[in-house]
Amino acid sequence: MAKRATKRGAERTPLSRDADVLICGASFAGLAVARELAGSGARVLMIDRYEVGERQTSACAAPTDWLRNLGLMDAHRQTFRELVIHTPHVSVRYDLPWSFSTFDYREICALLQEQGDADFEIAKVDGRTGDTVHTDRGDLTSPLIVDGLGWRRILGAGENVQPPDALLSRGLEVHPRGSNDDLEIWIDRSYVPAGYGWSFPARDEVRIGIGSFDPRFHVKDPTLKLTADLNQSPDGFQGNWIPHALRPATDDGVFMVGDSAGHCLPLTAEGIRTALYFGLACGRELRTVVDGGQSRDQALARYHAFSAGHRFAFDSMLKVQRLIPRVPPKLLAPALRAMGTKRFVDWSFGHYLKIAPPEYALGGPHGTRFASAGGGESAATPAVAAA
C-alpha cells in the first residue's frame, strides 16, 4: 500500500506563494496539463499529497499509440492485439484494430514530469477560497487553478455526493509476479453482479482485479476468488473509486480534469487515456491564456464546451453499462459471438478509440516533439508486439 509522502521534520516548511498556474494533483491529468505549459514562461506549480508516481490506482494500460505519440514508450511493458472475453457459457477472442499496452506507473509519471517544467511540492489540499487554495503547508494563490485531485472534486463549489450514492464504480486489484500472453476480461456474475474482472499482464507481473458498477458491492472477496481461480497469489493490493458519469469540466472558476470531471469512460472504466486527452486540452487552453490570446473566462467556456461535446459518447456507454447486468447470461454468450466478427469489432473499437483519439496528442505546443521517443514503429509491427 502507498504511504503518504507529506514532508515531515526539517523538510516540513511552510508553503506560501503565488503562481501563474496552480495544478492540484500530479497524476495523468495534472501531468498532462503541465506538459502543455512547458516553455511558456509561466510560473507553474503542481502539488500533490504524494510524490509523483508514488500511488498507482489502476491496471495502467492504454492504447499503444497514446503512449507512442506522447513519447512514453520507455515505460511500456507489454502489448496486445487481441482481447479475450470470458462468460460462464463462452469465451471469445477479438482481433483488435489497434493495440493496447500495459506500462509502469512510476516510470510513465516520471517521463510526463520531465516533459513539463512545473515546480512540484508535496502538500495535502484542504479546500479553496476564491483564487486561494488551502493546504496543510499553507495557502497558495493563482488566477488559474486546476483540480486533478480525483472524484472528490475538492476544489469545486458546494458539497459533493459521497459513495455509495455517488455515480461511482469501485475496483480492487492485485499484482502477483508472473507472465501471460492474453489480455482478459470476465463478465461473470459469480464474481460480481454488475461489473467485470480482468487480467492485464505487464511483462513480469499480472494485474488481476474486479470492478463493480455498484459501489455498494465490496470487491475484495471476488478479487481473491478470481486470483485463486487463475492459480495466482494476491500480492500488492490496490484499489480506488472510479467515476462513471461525466461532470461539468469547470466549477466556480476552476478547471476540472481527470476523475474530478468524470473523465473516465463508463462500461470499460478506462480513465488514463481520457485523463491525458482532457488534460492536454485543458493545458492548451491555459497556455493561450498565459500567452495573452484569451481571458480566463474564455478559456473556461472553451474547455467546458470541449468536454461537454463528448457527453453523447459518455452517456451512451453509461446506458450500455446499465444494460449488460440485465442481460441473461445465456443470451450474453451468443451476443458476444455475433459481435466478434471482424467488421463489427473494427467498427465498434474504431469508434471507441475516436472518443479520445491518439492523434490529439500530436497537436498543441509540443507538436511531434516527443512522438518518436521510445520507438517510432507502428502499432502493428512485430517489434512492439513482442516487447
Protein backbone atom coordinates (compact mmCIF):
# COMPACT_ATOMS: atom_id res chain seq x y z
CA MET A 1 0.00 0.00 0.00
CA ALA A 2 1.18 3.54 -0.73
CA LYS A 3 2.48 5.60 2.16
CA ARG A 4 1.69 9.25 2.48
CA ALA A 5 4.74 11.25 1.42
CA THR A 6 3.91 14.58 3.06
CA LYS A 7 7.15 16.18 4.20
CA ARG A 8 7.96 15.95 7.88
CA GLY A 9 10.58 17.18 10.32
CA ALA A 10 13.13 19.63 8.92
CA GLU A 11 11.56 19.34 5.45
CA ARG A 12 8.18 20.34 6.80
CA THR A 13 8.45 24.03 5.91
CA PRO A 14 5.54 26.44 5.43
CA LEU A 15 4.44 26.77 1.82
CA SER A 16 3.03 30.14 0.79
CA ARG A 17 3.47 31.52 -2.70
CA ASP A 18 1.77 32.78 -5.82
CA ALA A 19 1.78 31.05 -9.19
CA ASP A 20 0.50 31.84 -12.67
CA VAL A 21 -1.00 28.34 -12.86
CA LEU A 22 -1.64 26.07 -9.88
CA ILE A 23 -2.19 22.39 -10.71
CA CYS A 24 -3.57 20.35 -7.82
CA GLY A 25 -2.99 16.67 -8.45
CA ALA A 26 0.07 15.10 -10.06
CA SER A 27 -1.22 12.00 -11.80
CA PHE A 28 -2.07 11.61 -15.50
CA ALA A 29 -4.39 14.58 -15.95
CA GLY A 30 -2.36 17.06 -13.92
CA LEU A 31 0.90 15.99 -15.56
CA ALA A 32 -0.69 16.36 -19.00
CA VAL A 33 -1.77 19.92 -18.16
CA ALA A 34 1.76 20.77 -17.00
CA ARG A 35 3.25 19.22 -20.14
CA GLU A 36 1.34 21.63 -22.37
CA LEU A 37 2.59 24.62 -20.38
CA ALA A 38 6.27 23.73 -20.76
CA GLY A 39 8.34 26.59 -22.19
CA SER A 40 5.50 29.09 -21.82
CA GLY A 41 7.40 31.16 -19.26
CA ALA A 42 4.53 30.84 -16.81
CA ARG A 43 5.19 30.12 -13.13
CA VAL A 44 3.53 26.71 -12.91
CA LEU A 45 3.25 24.98 -9.55
CA MET A 46 2.00 21.42 -9.17
CA ILE A 47 1.12 19.97 -5.78
CA ASP A 48 0.06 16.53 -4.57
CA ARG A 49 -0.04 14.75 -1.22
CA TYR A 50 2.16 12.01 -2.71
CA GLU A 51 5.40 12.02 -4.66
CA VAL A 52 4.96 11.95 -8.44
CA GLY A 53 4.43 8.33 -9.48
CA GLU A 54 4.07 7.06 -5.94
CA ARG A 55 0.45 5.93 -5.78
CA GLN A 56 -0.74 3.63 -8.56
CA THR A 57 -4.50 3.05 -8.50
CA SER A 58 -5.24 1.27 -11.79
CA ALA A 59 -4.16 -1.56 -14.08
CA CYS A 60 -2.11 1.02 -16.03
CA ALA A 61 -2.91 0.31 -19.66
CA ALA A 62 -3.78 2.46 -22.66
CA PRO A 63 -3.92 2.30 -26.46
CA THR A 64 -0.33 1.92 -27.62
CA ASP A 65 -0.50 4.91 -29.94
CA TRP A 66 -1.26 7.18 -27.00
CA LEU A 67 1.98 6.09 -25.34
CA ARG A 68 3.90 6.42 -28.58
CA ASN A 69 2.52 9.83 -29.52
CA LEU A 70 3.32 11.23 -26.09
CA GLY A 71 6.83 9.78 -26.11
CA LEU A 72 6.14 7.40 -23.23
CA MET A 73 7.20 4.07 -24.71
CA ASP A 74 10.12 3.76 -22.30
CA ALA A 75 7.50 2.89 -19.66
CA HIS A 76 5.94 0.23 -21.90
CA ARG A 77 5.63 -3.32 -20.54
CA GLN A 78 3.52 -5.47 -22.87
CA THR A 79 1.39 -5.02 -26.00
CA PHE A 80 -1.80 -6.87 -27.01
CA ARG A 81 -3.62 -7.08 -30.35
CA GLU A 82 -6.36 -9.38 -29.04
CA LEU A 83 -8.93 -9.19 -26.26
CA VAL A 84 -10.31 -12.35 -24.64
CA ILE A 85 -13.74 -12.09 -23.00
CA HIS A 86 -14.96 -14.89 -20.73
CA THR A 87 -18.54 -15.58 -19.64
CA PRO A 88 -19.92 -18.67 -17.86
CA HIS A 89 -21.09 -20.01 -21.25
CA VAL A 90 -18.47 -18.92 -23.78
CA SER A 91 -15.04 -17.37 -24.24
CA VAL A 92 -14.47 -15.19 -27.28
CA ARG A 93 -11.29 -13.75 -28.72
CA TYR A 94 -11.48 -10.41 -30.55
CA ASP A 95 -8.82 -9.36 -33.05
CA LEU A 96 -8.49 -5.63 -32.27
CA PRO A 97 -7.97 -2.96 -34.95
CA TRP A 98 -5.43 -1.22 -32.68
CA SER A 99 -3.16 -2.41 -29.91
CA PHE A 100 -3.41 -1.92 -26.18
CA SER A 101 -0.36 -1.76 -23.89
CA THR A 102 0.37 -2.04 -20.20
CA PHE A 103 3.02 0.21 -18.68
CA ASP A 104 4.83 1.05 -15.45
CA TYR A 105 3.07 3.79 -13.49
CA ARG A 106 6.10 5.27 -11.76
CA GLU A 107 8.10 5.40 -14.99
CA ILE A 108 5.34 6.95 -17.07
CA CYS A 109 4.71 9.66 -14.48
CA ALA A 110 8.43 10.46 -14.41
CA LEU A 111 8.50 10.72 -18.20
CA LEU A 112 5.49 13.05 -18.23
CA GLN A 113 7.01 15.20 -15.49
CA GLU A 114 10.23 15.53 -17.49
CA GLN A 115 8.27 16.86 -20.45
CA GLY A 116 7.00 19.76 -18.34
CA ASP A 117 8.87 22.38 -16.35
CA ALA A 118 6.48 22.91 -13.43
CA ASP A 119 7.74 23.22 -9.87
CA PHE A 120 6.47 20.41 -7.63
CA GLU A 121 5.67 20.44 -3.92
CA ILE A 122 4.16 17.81 -1.63
CA ALA A 123 1.11 19.16 0.16
CA LYS A 124 -2.38 17.97 1.03
CA VAL A 125 -5.17 20.15 -0.38
CA ASP A 126 -7.86 21.01 2.17
CA GLY A 127 -10.07 23.41 0.21
CA ARG A 128 -10.30 26.72 -1.61
CA THR A 129 -11.45 30.28 -1.11
CA GLY A 130 -11.63 32.18 -4.39
CA ASP A 131 -8.19 32.10 -6.03
CA THR A 132 -6.52 30.74 -2.91
CA VAL A 133 -6.04 27.02 -2.30
CA HIS A 134 -5.61 25.94 1.31
CA THR A 135 -3.11 23.16 2.00
CA ASP A 136 -1.67 21.56 5.11
CA ARG A 137 1.53 23.55 4.46
CA GLY A 138 -0.05 26.92 3.81
CA ASP A 139 -2.05 28.93 1.28
CA LEU A 140 -1.32 29.11 -2.44
CA THR A 141 -2.79 31.75 -4.75
CA SER A 142 -3.21 31.66 -8.51
CA PRO A 143 -5.61 33.13 -11.09
CA LEU A 144 -5.62 29.77 -12.94
CA ILE A 145 -6.41 26.73 -10.81
CA VAL A 146 -6.69 23.12 -11.98
CA ASP A 147 -8.35 20.37 -9.92
CA GLY A 148 -6.88 17.00 -10.84
CA LEU A 149 -7.33 15.56 -7.36
CA GLY A 150 -9.88 12.89 -8.20
CA TRP A 151 -13.57 12.12 -7.84
CA ARG A 152 -13.98 14.08 -4.58
CA ARG A 153 -13.80 17.31 -6.62
CA ILE A 154 -12.24 19.04 -3.63
CA LEU A 155 -11.91 22.48 -5.23
CA GLY A 156 -15.47 22.62 -6.57
CA ALA A 157 -18.23 24.68 -5.03
CA GLY A 158 -20.71 23.09 -2.63
CA GLU A 159 -20.89 19.64 -1.08
CA ASN A 160 -20.23 16.55 -3.15
CA VAL A 161 -22.26 13.37 -3.08
CA GLN A 162 -20.30 10.58 -1.42
CA PRO A 163 -20.40 6.82 -2.06
CA PRO A 164 -22.48 4.76 -2.18
CA ASP A 165 -24.87 7.40 -3.56
CA ALA A 166 -22.34 8.98 -5.93
CA LEU A 167 -22.11 7.79 -9.54
CA LEU A 168 -19.01 5.74 -8.88
CA SER A 169 -17.76 2.25 -9.55
CA ARG A 170 -15.22 0.60 -7.28
CA GLY A 171 -12.25 -1.55 -8.16
CA LEU A 172 -9.60 -3.63 -6.44
CA GLU A 173 -6.51 -5.20 -7.95
CA VAL A 174 -3.57 -7.43 -7.03
CA HIS A 175 -0.17 -7.71 -8.72
CA PRO A 176 1.23 -11.24 -8.49
CA ARG A 177 4.55 -11.96 -10.17
CA GLY A 178 4.27 -13.94 -13.37
CA SER A 179 3.52 -13.62 -17.06
CA ASN A 180 0.74 -14.24 -19.56
CA ASP A 181 0.13 -13.55 -23.23
CA ASP A 182 -3.59 -12.69 -23.06
CA LEU A 183 -5.45 -9.53 -22.13
CA GLU A 184 -8.57 -10.99 -20.48
CA ILE A 185 -11.97 -9.82 -19.22
CA TRP A 186 -14.55 -11.81 -17.21
CA ILE A 187 -18.25 -10.95 -17.36
CA ASP A 188 -19.42 -13.44 -14.76
CA ARG A 189 -21.95 -12.85 -12.00
CA SER A 190 -20.28 -15.43 -9.81
CA TYR A 191 -17.56 -12.81 -9.37
CA VAL A 192 -19.58 -9.58 -9.46
CA PRO A 193 -23.32 -8.99 -10.10
CA ALA A 194 -22.70 -5.86 -12.17
CA GLY A 195 -19.19 -5.29 -13.41
CA TYR A 196 -16.29 -7.37 -14.64
CA GLY A 197 -12.97 -8.97 -13.76
CA TRP A 198 -9.68 -8.53 -15.58
CA SER A 199 -6.19 -9.85 -16.04
CA PHE A 200 -3.71 -7.37 -17.54
CA PRO A 201 -0.23 -8.90 -17.93
CA ALA A 202 2.69 -6.47 -17.67
CA ARG A 203 5.77 -8.49 -18.63
CA ASP A 204 6.85 -9.72 -15.19
CA GLU A 205 3.58 -9.32 -13.26
CA VAL A 206 -0.11 -9.98 -13.88
CA ARG A 207 -2.58 -7.32 -12.75
CA ILE A 208 -5.77 -9.11 -11.66
CA GLY A 209 -8.83 -7.29 -10.39
CA ILE A 210 -12.57 -6.86 -10.04
CA GLY A 211 -14.58 -3.73 -10.82
CA SER A 212 -18.15 -3.26 -9.62
CA PHE A 213 -20.52 -0.78 -11.22
CA ASP A 214 -22.45 -0.76 -7.93
CA PRO A 215 -20.36 0.98 -5.24
CA ARG A 216 -22.29 -0.86 -2.52
CA PHE A 217 -20.82 -4.18 -3.64
CA HIS A 218 -17.49 -4.97 -1.99
CA VAL A 219 -14.82 -6.37 -4.28
CA LYS A 220 -12.14 -7.87 -2.04
CA ASP A 221 -13.58 -11.40 -1.85
CA PRO A 222 -14.33 -11.53 -5.61
CA THR A 223 -10.79 -10.35 -6.35
CA LEU A 224 -9.39 -13.10 -4.14
CA LYS A 225 -11.66 -15.64 -5.84
CA LEU A 226 -10.60 -14.66 -9.37
CA THR A 227 -6.94 -14.61 -8.33
CA ALA A 228 -7.23 -18.10 -6.85
CA ASP A 229 -9.06 -19.36 -9.95
CA LEU A 230 -6.09 -18.17 -12.01
CA ASN A 231 -3.68 -20.00 -9.68
CA GLN A 232 -2.05 -16.75 -8.60
CA SER A 233 -1.28 -15.22 -5.21
CA PRO A 234 -2.97 -11.98 -4.02
CA ASP A 235 0.12 -9.77 -3.83
CA GLY A 236 0.17 -5.96 -3.85
CA PHE A 237 -3.41 -4.86 -3.18
CA GLN A 238 -4.52 -1.50 -4.59
CA GLY A 239 -7.97 -0.04 -5.16
CA ASN A 240 -9.91 3.08 -5.96
CA TRP A 241 -13.29 4.62 -6.64
CA ILE A 242 -13.95 5.08 -10.37
CA PRO A 243 -16.30 7.78 -11.76
CA HIS A 244 -18.73 6.54 -14.37
CA ALA A 245 -20.55 9.74 -15.25
CA LEU A 246 -19.30 12.90 -16.96
CA ARG A 247 -19.43 16.03 -14.79
CA PRO A 248 -19.01 19.73 -15.67
CA ALA A 249 -15.37 20.39 -16.56
CA THR A 250 -15.40 23.81 -14.88
CA ASP A 251 -16.70 24.80 -11.48
CA ASP A 252 -16.64 28.27 -9.91
CA GLY A 253 -13.65 29.37 -11.99
CA VAL A 254 -11.69 26.12 -11.55
CA PHE A 255 -10.63 23.81 -14.40
CA MET A 256 -11.52 20.18 -13.62
CA VAL A 257 -9.52 17.37 -15.22
CA GLY A 258 -9.46 13.59 -14.92
CA ASP A 259 -11.67 11.97 -12.32
CA SER A 260 -12.73 15.33 -10.86
CA ALA A 261 -14.61 15.92 -14.14
CA GLY A 262 -15.74 12.31 -14.52
CA HIS A 263 -13.30 11.85 -17.40
CA CYS A 264 -13.41 8.07 -17.09
CA LEU A 265 -15.31 6.09 -19.71
CA PRO A 266 -18.35 4.19 -18.40
CA LEU A 267 -18.61 0.45 -19.11
CA THR A 268 -14.86 -0.05 -19.64
CA ALA A 269 -13.69 2.18 -16.75
CA GLU A 270 -10.83 3.35 -18.98
CA GLY A 271 -9.68 6.60 -17.44
CA ILE A 272 -5.99 7.01 -18.27
CA ARG A 273 -6.41 7.80 -21.95
CA THR A 274 -9.19 10.27 -21.23
CA ALA A 275 -7.26 11.87 -18.36
CA LEU A 276 -4.38 12.53 -20.74
CA TYR A 277 -6.72 13.70 -23.50
CA PHE A 278 -8.68 16.21 -21.45
CA GLY A 279 -5.55 17.21 -19.53
CA LEU A 280 -3.87 18.16 -22.81
CA ALA A 281 -6.99 20.08 -23.85
CA CYS A 282 -7.04 21.99 -20.57
CA GLY A 283 -3.32 22.72 -20.78
CA ARG A 284 -3.67 24.13 -24.29
CA GLU A 285 -6.44 26.47 -23.21
CA LEU A 286 -4.38 27.63 -20.21
CA ARG A 287 -1.34 28.19 -22.38
CA THR A 288 -3.37 30.51 -24.60
CA VAL A 289 -4.36 32.50 -21.50
CA VAL A 290 -0.73 32.70 -20.37
CA ASP A 291 0.30 33.82 -23.86
CA GLY A 292 -2.36 36.56 -23.82
CA GLY A 293 -4.51 35.01 -26.53
CA GLN A 294 -7.68 34.77 -24.44
CA SER A 295 -9.04 35.56 -20.99
CA ARG A 296 -9.58 33.08 -18.19
CA ASP A 297 -13.34 33.26 -18.70
CA GLN A 298 -12.93 32.48 -22.39
CA ALA A 299 -10.70 29.53 -21.57
CA LEU A 300 -13.21 28.25 -19.03
CA ALA A 301 -16.01 28.46 -21.59
CA ARG A 302 -14.00 26.78 -24.34
CA TYR A 303 -12.74 23.96 -22.15
CA HIS A 304 -16.21 23.38 -20.69
CA ALA A 305 -17.66 23.16 -24.20
CA PHE A 306 -14.90 20.79 -25.34
CA SER A 307 -15.59 18.38 -22.50
CA ALA A 308 -19.38 18.66 -22.79
CA GLY A 309 -19.08 17.89 -26.50
CA HIS A 310 -18.27 14.30 -25.51
CA ARG A 311 -21.41 13.83 -23.44
CA PHE A 312 -23.26 11.74 -26.03
CA ALA A 313 -20.47 9.15 -26.10
CA PHE A 314 -20.20 9.04 -22.30
CA ASP A 315 -23.97 8.82 -21.80
CA SER A 316 -24.30 6.10 -24.46
CA MET A 317 -21.67 3.98 -22.78
CA LEU A 318 -23.32 4.51 -19.40
CA LYS A 319 -26.60 3.19 -20.83
CA VAL A 320 -24.81 0.05 -22.04
CA GLN A 321 -23.13 -0.30 -18.63
CA ARG A 322 -26.56 -0.32 -17.01
CA LEU A 323 -28.00 -2.69 -19.62
CA ILE A 324 -25.43 -5.50 -19.55
CA PRO A 325 -26.18 -6.69 -15.97
CA ARG A 326 -29.81 -7.11 -17.03
CA VAL A 327 -28.97 -9.40 -19.95
CA PRO A 328 -29.41 -13.10 -19.06
CA PRO A 329 -26.02 -14.85 -19.21
CA LYS A 330 -27.31 -17.38 -21.76
CA LEU A 331 -28.22 -14.51 -24.10
CA LEU A 332 -24.95 -12.69 -23.50
CA ALA A 333 -22.91 -15.56 -24.92
CA PRO A 334 -24.46 -15.55 -28.43
CA ALA A 335 -24.42 -11.76 -28.45
CA LEU A 336 -20.66 -11.71 -27.81
CA ARG A 337 -20.15 -14.29 -30.55
CA ALA A 338 -22.16 -12.22 -33.00
CA MET A 339 -20.21 -9.08 -32.12
CA GLY A 340 -16.92 -10.89 -32.70
CA THR A 341 -17.00 -10.54 -36.48
CA LYS A 342 -14.03 -8.65 -37.90
CA ARG A 343 -16.29 -5.99 -39.41
CA PHE A 344 -18.14 -5.29 -36.16
CA VAL A 345 -15.01 -5.32 -33.99
CA ASP A 346 -13.22 -2.89 -36.30
CA TRP A 347 -16.28 -0.60 -36.38
CA SER A 348 -17.02 -0.63 -32.64
CA PHE A 349 -13.44 -0.41 -31.38
CA GLY A 350 -12.66 2.20 -34.03
CA HIS A 351 -15.48 4.43 -32.74
CA TYR A 352 -14.41 3.74 -29.17
CA LEU A 353 -10.86 4.92 -29.88
CA LYS A 354 -12.16 8.10 -31.54
CA ILE A 355 -13.74 9.26 -28.27
CA ALA A 356 -10.22 10.31 -27.27
CA PRO A 357 -8.08 9.73 -30.39
CA PRO A 358 -4.30 9.31 -30.05
CA GLU A 359 -3.74 11.83 -32.86
CA TYR A 360 -4.80 14.54 -30.44
CA ALA A 361 -1.55 14.04 -28.55
CA LEU A 362 0.42 15.28 -31.56
CA GLY A 363 -1.17 18.74 -31.54
CA GLY A 364 -0.57 21.70 -29.27
CA PRO A 365 2.70 23.45 -28.46
CA HIS A 366 4.72 20.23 -28.43
CA GLY A 367 3.62 19.10 -31.88
CA THR A 368 5.57 15.95 -32.71
CA ARG A 369 8.45 16.87 -30.44
CA PHE A 370 8.12 13.73 -28.33
CA ALA A 371 6.37 11.50 -30.87
CA SER A 372 9.38 9.35 -31.75
CA ALA A 373 10.84 8.98 -28.27
CA GLY A 374 10.94 5.38 -27.10
CA GLY A 375 10.33 3.93 -30.56
CA GLY A 376 8.61 5.07 -33.71
CA GLU A 377 7.19 1.86 -35.18
CA SER A 378 3.51 1.44 -35.93
CA ALA A 379 1.25 -0.41 -33.51
CA ALA A 380 1.17 -3.46 -35.77
CA THR A 381 4.90 -4.02 -36.06
CA PRO A 382 6.34 -7.23 -34.60
CA ALA A 383 8.98 -5.31 -32.62
CA VAL A 384 6.37 -3.56 -30.49
CA ALA A 385 4.03 -6.53 -30.25
CA ALA A 386 6.83 -8.69 -28.89
CA ALA A 387 8.15 -6.10 -26.44
